[in-house]
Structure formats: structure tokens, C-alpha cells
Amino acid sequence: MIDSLPLPKGKYARTGYVSPIDAALEVIGGKYKVAILYHIRESALRFGELHHLMPLATKRILTKQLRELERDGMINRKIFRQVPPRVDYSLTKEGKSKA
């Protein structure tokens, strides 16, 4: 007989997380997410600057993790309509509180 995991109780019961650690890891658990948050903690950076600071990250993975952080409300993405196109990434208020 296999025992099932206990159901979450308390204030995290409705979120699906057992603890706040689980929730935090869901948001910043990617391989480069912590590095991204670290690099943009002081000022906004462009995609190319972030990629230069993390040369082992492929452009595809970096783009994916930036989009996930934006979706989770941790970073802002500001698009400048110019040639060549420019996109700046910066921390949101929530991102600053966690970085």
C-alpha cells in the first residue's frame, strides 16, 4: 500500500504549495533566474548586456527565463520603439523586495 502525501494545511492550503519555500522555488527556480535578478538589482539592463554577463546561457534559455520572471511579476520589460529595437529589463517593486 502506498501512502499518499498529506494534504497541505493552513494558509498555503489553497495555493497548492506546502510552504513558502515551494512558492519561492517555483518563481526563481530556473538555472539563470537568480543570476538575472542579481544583475538587474541596481539598474535596468538590455538583453545583450545580460547575455554578455551570462555567456553560458543560450539566447533561447535567457529569453525563456526573462519571460517567466516577467509573467511572475518579478521584472519589467520596457520596449523602446527605435531602430535598432531596444528592450530594457528592470526589477518590479515585488522583485526588489525579493532580490
N, C-alpha and C. Protein backbone atom coordinates (compact mmCIF):
# COMPACT_ATOMS: atom_id res chain seq x y z
N MET A 1 0.84 -1.18 0.00
CA MET A 1 0.00 0.00 0.00
C MET A 1 0.89 1.24 0.00
N ILE A 2 0.60 2.15 -0.89
CA ILE A 2 1.38 3.39 -1.00
C ILE A 2 0.68 4.48 -0.23
N ASP A 3 1.43 5.11 0.68
CA ASP A 3 0.85 6.22 1.43
C ASP A 3 0.85 7.45 0.55
N SER A 4 -0.24 8.18 0.57
CA SER A 4 -0.30 9.42 -0.21
C SER A 4 0.28 10.56 0.62
N LEU A 5 0.70 11.59 -0.07
CA LEU A 5 1.24 12.75 0.61
C LEU A 5 0.13 13.45 1.38
N PRO A 6 0.46 14.02 2.53
CA PRO A 6 -0.57 14.72 3.29
C PRO A 6 -1.03 15.97 2.52
N LEU A 7 -2.29 16.29 2.69
CA LEU A 7 -2.83 17.49 2.06
C LEU A 7 -2.29 18.72 2.78
N PRO A 8 -1.97 19.77 2.02
CA PRO A 8 -1.47 20.99 2.67
C PRO A 8 -2.53 21.57 3.60
N LYS A 9 -2.07 22.09 4.72
CA LYS A 9 -2.97 22.70 5.70
C LYS A 9 -2.52 24.13 5.96
N GLY A 10 -3.37 24.90 6.55
CA GLY A 10 -3.01 26.25 6.93
C GLY A 10 -3.15 27.24 5.79
N LYS A 11 -2.38 28.32 5.86
CA LYS A 11 -2.58 29.41 4.90
C LYS A 11 -2.12 29.08 3.49
N TYR A 12 -1.39 27.99 3.27
CA TYR A 12 -0.96 27.61 1.92
C TYR A 12 -1.84 26.52 1.31
N ALA A 13 -2.88 26.12 2.01
CA ALA A 13 -3.71 25.01 1.56
C ALA A 13 -4.33 25.27 0.18
N ARG A 14 -4.76 26.49 -0.08
CA ARG A 14 -5.43 26.79 -1.35
C ARG A 14 -4.46 27.09 -2.49
N THR A 15 -3.21 27.30 -2.19
CA THR A 15 -2.24 27.66 -3.24
C THR A 15 -1.64 26.45 -3.92
N GLY A 16 -1.70 25.30 -3.29
CA GLY A 16 -1.07 24.11 -3.84
C GLY A 16 0.36 23.94 -3.35
N TYR A 17 0.86 24.90 -2.60
CA TYR A 17 2.21 24.82 -2.05
C TYR A 17 2.15 24.38 -0.60
N VAL A 18 3.14 23.62 -0.19
CA VAL A 18 3.20 23.16 1.19
C VAL A 18 3.81 24.23 2.07
N SER A 19 4.74 25.02 1.52
CA SER A 19 5.41 26.05 2.30
C SER A 19 5.78 27.22 1.40
N PRO A 20 6.18 28.34 2.02
CA PRO A 20 6.61 29.48 1.21
C PRO A 20 7.88 29.18 0.40
N ILE A 21 8.68 28.23 0.85
CA ILE A 21 9.88 27.84 0.12
C ILE A 21 9.48 27.25 -1.24
N ASP A 22 8.45 26.41 -1.25
CA ASP A 22 7.96 25.83 -2.50
C ASP A 22 7.50 26.92 -3.47
N ALA A 23 6.81 27.91 -2.95
CA ALA A 23 6.34 29.02 -3.79
C ALA A 23 7.51 29.82 -4.35
N ALA A 24 8.50 30.10 -3.54
CA ALA A 24 9.68 30.86 -3.99
C ALA A 24 10.45 30.09 -5.05
N LEU A 25 10.63 28.81 -4.85
CA LEU A 25 11.37 28.00 -5.83
C LEU A 25 10.62 27.91 -7.15
N GLU A 26 9.31 27.97 -7.12
CA GLU A 26 8.52 27.96 -8.35
C GLU A 26 8.83 29.20 -9.19
N VAL A 27 9.03 30.34 -8.53
CA VAL A 27 9.28 31.60 -9.23
C VAL A 27 10.73 31.74 -9.65
N ILE A 28 11.68 31.44 -8.76
CA ILE A 28 13.10 31.69 -9.06
C ILE A 28 13.91 30.41 -9.21
N GLY A 29 13.25 29.32 -9.53
CA GLY A 29 13.92 28.03 -9.60
C GLY A 29 14.68 27.74 -10.87
N GLY A 30 14.61 28.59 -11.87
CA GLY A 30 15.33 28.34 -13.12
C GLY A 30 16.83 28.50 -12.95
N LYS A 31 17.58 27.92 -13.86
CA LYS A 31 19.04 27.90 -13.75
C LYS A 31 19.65 29.30 -13.72
N TYR A 32 19.09 30.24 -14.48
CA TYR A 32 19.69 31.58 -14.57
C TYR A 32 18.84 32.67 -13.91
N LYS A 33 17.70 32.33 -13.35
CA LYS A 33 16.81 33.36 -12.80
C LYS A 33 17.43 34.15 -11.66
N VAL A 34 18.11 33.49 -10.76
CA VAL A 34 18.75 34.19 -9.65
C VAL A 34 19.85 35.12 -10.18
N ALA A 35 20.60 34.67 -11.17
CA ALA A 35 21.65 35.50 -11.77
C ALA A 35 21.03 36.72 -12.46
N ILE A 36 19.91 36.54 -13.15
CA ILE A 36 19.23 37.66 -13.80
C ILE A 36 18.81 38.69 -12.76
N LEU A 37 18.17 38.22 -11.70
CA LEU A 37 17.73 39.14 -10.64
C LEU A 37 18.92 39.85 -10.00
N TYR A 38 20.01 39.15 -9.83
CA TYR A 38 21.21 39.74 -9.25
C TYR A 38 21.76 40.86 -10.14
N HIS A 39 21.83 40.61 -11.43
CA HIS A 39 22.43 41.58 -12.35
C HIS A 39 21.56 42.82 -12.55
N ILE A 40 20.25 42.69 -12.45
CA ILE A 40 19.41 43.87 -12.66
C ILE A 40 18.95 44.52 -11.35
N ARG A 41 19.55 44.13 -10.25
CA ARG A 41 19.14 44.69 -8.96
C ARG A 41 19.45 46.18 -8.83
N GLU A 42 20.50 46.66 -9.45
CA GLU A 42 20.91 48.06 -9.33
C GLU A 42 20.30 48.95 -10.41
N SER A 43 20.29 48.46 -11.65
CA SER A 43 19.77 49.28 -12.74
C SER A 43 19.26 48.38 -13.87
N ALA A 44 18.49 48.99 -14.75
CA ALA A 44 17.94 48.26 -15.89
C ALA A 44 19.06 47.87 -16.85
N LEU A 45 18.91 46.69 -17.45
CA LEU A 45 19.89 46.21 -18.42
C LEU A 45 19.17 45.77 -19.68
N ARG A 46 19.86 45.88 -20.80
CA ARG A 46 19.35 45.40 -22.07
C ARG A 46 19.66 43.90 -22.20
N PHE A 47 18.94 43.25 -23.12
CA PHE A 47 19.12 41.82 -23.32
C PHE A 47 20.58 41.48 -23.62
N GLY A 48 21.19 42.22 -24.51
CA GLY A 48 22.58 41.96 -24.89
C GLY A 48 23.54 42.08 -23.71
N GLU A 49 23.27 43.05 -22.83
CA GLU A 49 24.11 43.22 -21.64
C GLU A 49 23.97 42.02 -20.71
N LEU A 50 22.73 41.55 -20.53
CA LEU A 50 22.51 40.37 -19.70
C LEU A 50 23.19 39.15 -20.30
N HIS A 51 23.08 38.99 -21.61
CA HIS A 51 23.70 37.84 -22.26
C HIS A 51 25.23 37.91 -22.14
N HIS A 52 25.78 39.11 -22.21
CA HIS A 52 27.23 39.28 -22.05
C HIS A 52 27.67 38.91 -20.64
N LEU A 53 26.83 39.22 -19.63
CA LEU A 53 27.16 38.90 -18.24
C LEU A 53 27.00 37.41 -17.93
N MET A 54 26.21 36.71 -18.75
CA MET A 54 25.97 35.27 -18.55
C MET A 54 26.22 34.54 -19.86
N PRO A 55 27.48 34.44 -20.29
CA PRO A 55 27.77 33.88 -21.61
C PRO A 55 27.42 32.40 -21.77
N LEU A 56 27.30 31.67 -20.68
CA LEU A 56 26.95 30.25 -20.79
C LEU A 56 25.46 30.03 -21.07
N ALA A 57 24.65 31.05 -20.82
CA ALA A 57 23.21 30.96 -21.09
C ALA A 57 22.97 31.17 -22.58
N THR A 58 22.24 30.26 -23.19
CA THR A 58 21.89 30.47 -24.59
C THR A 58 20.85 31.58 -24.69
N LYS A 59 20.74 32.20 -25.85
CA LYS A 59 19.75 33.27 -26.03
C LYS A 59 18.34 32.74 -25.82
N ARG A 60 18.11 31.52 -26.25
CA ARG A 60 16.78 30.90 -26.10
C ARG A 60 16.41 30.73 -24.63
N ILE A 61 17.32 30.17 -23.84
CA ILE A 61 17.06 29.95 -22.42
C ILE A 61 16.93 31.28 -21.68
N LEU A 62 17.80 32.23 -21.99
CA LEU A 62 17.74 33.54 -21.35
C LEU A 62 16.40 34.21 -21.64
N THR A 63 15.96 34.16 -22.89
CA THR A 63 14.67 34.73 -23.27
C THR A 63 13.53 34.06 -22.51
N LYS A 64 13.58 32.74 -22.44
CA LYS A 64 12.53 31.97 -21.75
C LYS A 64 12.46 32.35 -20.27
N GLN A 65 13.61 32.45 -19.62
CA GLN A 65 13.61 32.76 -18.19
C GLN A 65 13.23 34.21 -17.92
N LEU A 66 13.60 35.12 -18.82
CA LEU A 66 13.16 36.52 -18.68
C LEU A 66 11.64 36.60 -18.81
N ARG A 67 11.07 35.88 -19.75
CA ARG A 67 9.61 35.88 -19.92
C ARG A 67 8.90 35.30 -18.69
N GLU A 68 9.47 34.25 -18.11
CA GLU A 68 8.87 33.66 -16.91
C GLU A 68 8.93 34.63 -15.74
N LEU A 69 10.06 35.31 -15.57
CA LEU A 69 10.18 36.29 -14.49
C LEU A 69 9.21 37.45 -14.71
N GLU A 70 9.02 37.85 -15.96
CA GLU A 70 8.06 38.92 -16.26
C GLU A 70 6.64 38.45 -15.95
N ARG A 71 6.31 37.23 -16.36
CA ARG A 71 4.98 36.66 -16.09
C ARG A 71 4.70 36.57 -14.59
N ASP A 72 5.74 36.27 -13.81
CA ASP A 72 5.58 36.14 -12.36
C ASP A 72 5.63 37.48 -11.63
N GLY A 73 5.78 38.58 -12.37
CA GLY A 73 5.76 39.90 -11.76
C GLY A 73 7.05 40.32 -11.09
N MET A 74 8.14 39.65 -11.42
CA MET A 74 9.43 39.98 -10.79
C MET A 74 10.21 41.04 -11.55
N ILE A 75 10.03 41.12 -12.87
CA ILE A 75 10.76 42.11 -13.67
C ILE A 75 9.81 42.83 -14.62
N ASN A 76 10.23 44.04 -15.00
CA ASN A 76 9.54 44.82 -16.03
C ASN A 76 10.29 44.69 -17.33
N ARG A 77 9.55 44.72 -18.41
CA ARG A 77 10.15 44.71 -19.75
C ARG A 77 9.66 45.96 -20.44
N LYS A 78 10.57 46.87 -20.75
CA LYS A 78 10.20 48.13 -21.39
C LYS A 78 10.76 48.14 -22.81
N ILE A 79 9.87 48.32 -23.78
CA ILE A 79 10.25 48.31 -25.19
C ILE A 79 10.36 49.76 -25.68
N PHE A 80 11.47 50.08 -26.31
CA PHE A 80 11.67 51.38 -26.92
C PHE A 80 11.52 51.24 -28.43
N ARG A 81 10.64 52.02 -29.00
CA ARG A 81 10.39 51.96 -30.45
C ARG A 81 11.45 52.79 -31.17
N GLN A 82 12.52 52.14 -31.52
CA GLN A 82 13.61 52.79 -32.24
C GLN A 82 14.32 51.77 -33.11
N VAL A 83 15.21 52.22 -33.94
CA VAL A 83 15.98 51.32 -34.79
C VAL A 83 17.43 51.42 -34.36
N PRO A 84 18.09 50.35 -33.96
CA PRO A 84 17.54 49.02 -33.76
C PRO A 84 16.65 48.97 -32.51
N PRO A 85 15.72 48.00 -32.45
CA PRO A 85 14.83 47.90 -31.29
C PRO A 85 15.62 47.75 -29.99
N ARG A 86 15.09 48.32 -28.95
CA ARG A 86 15.76 48.26 -27.64
C ARG A 86 14.76 47.81 -26.59
N VAL A 87 15.15 46.88 -25.75
CA VAL A 87 14.32 46.39 -24.66
C VAL A 87 15.15 46.43 -23.38
N ASP A 88 14.62 47.08 -22.35
CA ASP A 88 15.29 47.14 -21.05
C ASP A 88 14.53 46.27 -20.05
N TYR A 89 15.28 45.61 -19.20
CA TYR A 89 14.70 44.80 -18.13
C TYR A 89 15.10 45.41 -16.79
N SER A 90 14.11 45.54 -15.89
CA SER A 90 14.37 46.08 -14.56
C SER A 90 13.50 45.34 -13.55
N LEU A 91 13.85 45.48 -12.29
CA LEU A 91 13.07 44.83 -11.24
C LEU A 91 11.78 45.58 -10.96
N THR A 92 10.72 44.85 -10.68
CA THR A 92 9.48 45.46 -10.20
C THR A 92 9.62 45.70 -8.71
N LYS A 93 8.61 46.30 -8.12
CA LYS A 93 8.61 46.52 -6.68
C LYS A 93 8.68 45.17 -5.95
N GLU A 94 7.93 44.20 -6.43
CA GLU A 94 7.96 42.85 -5.83
C GLU A 94 9.34 42.21 -6.02
N GLY A 95 9.91 42.38 -7.20
CA GLY A 95 11.23 41.84 -7.47
C GLY A 95 12.29 42.44 -6.57
N LYS A 96 12.21 43.75 -6.30
CA LYS A 96 13.16 44.41 -5.42
C LYS A 96 13.05 43.89 -4.00
N SER A 97 11.82 43.57 -3.57
CA SER A 97 11.64 43.08 -2.21
C SER A 97 12.21 41.67 -2.02
N LYS A 98 12.35 40.94 -3.12
CA LYS A 98 12.84 39.56 -3.01
C LYS A 98 14.30 39.42 -3.43
N ALA A 99 14.83 40.41 -4.13
CA ALA A 99 16.22 40.33 -4.61
C ALA A 99 17.22 40.75 -3.56
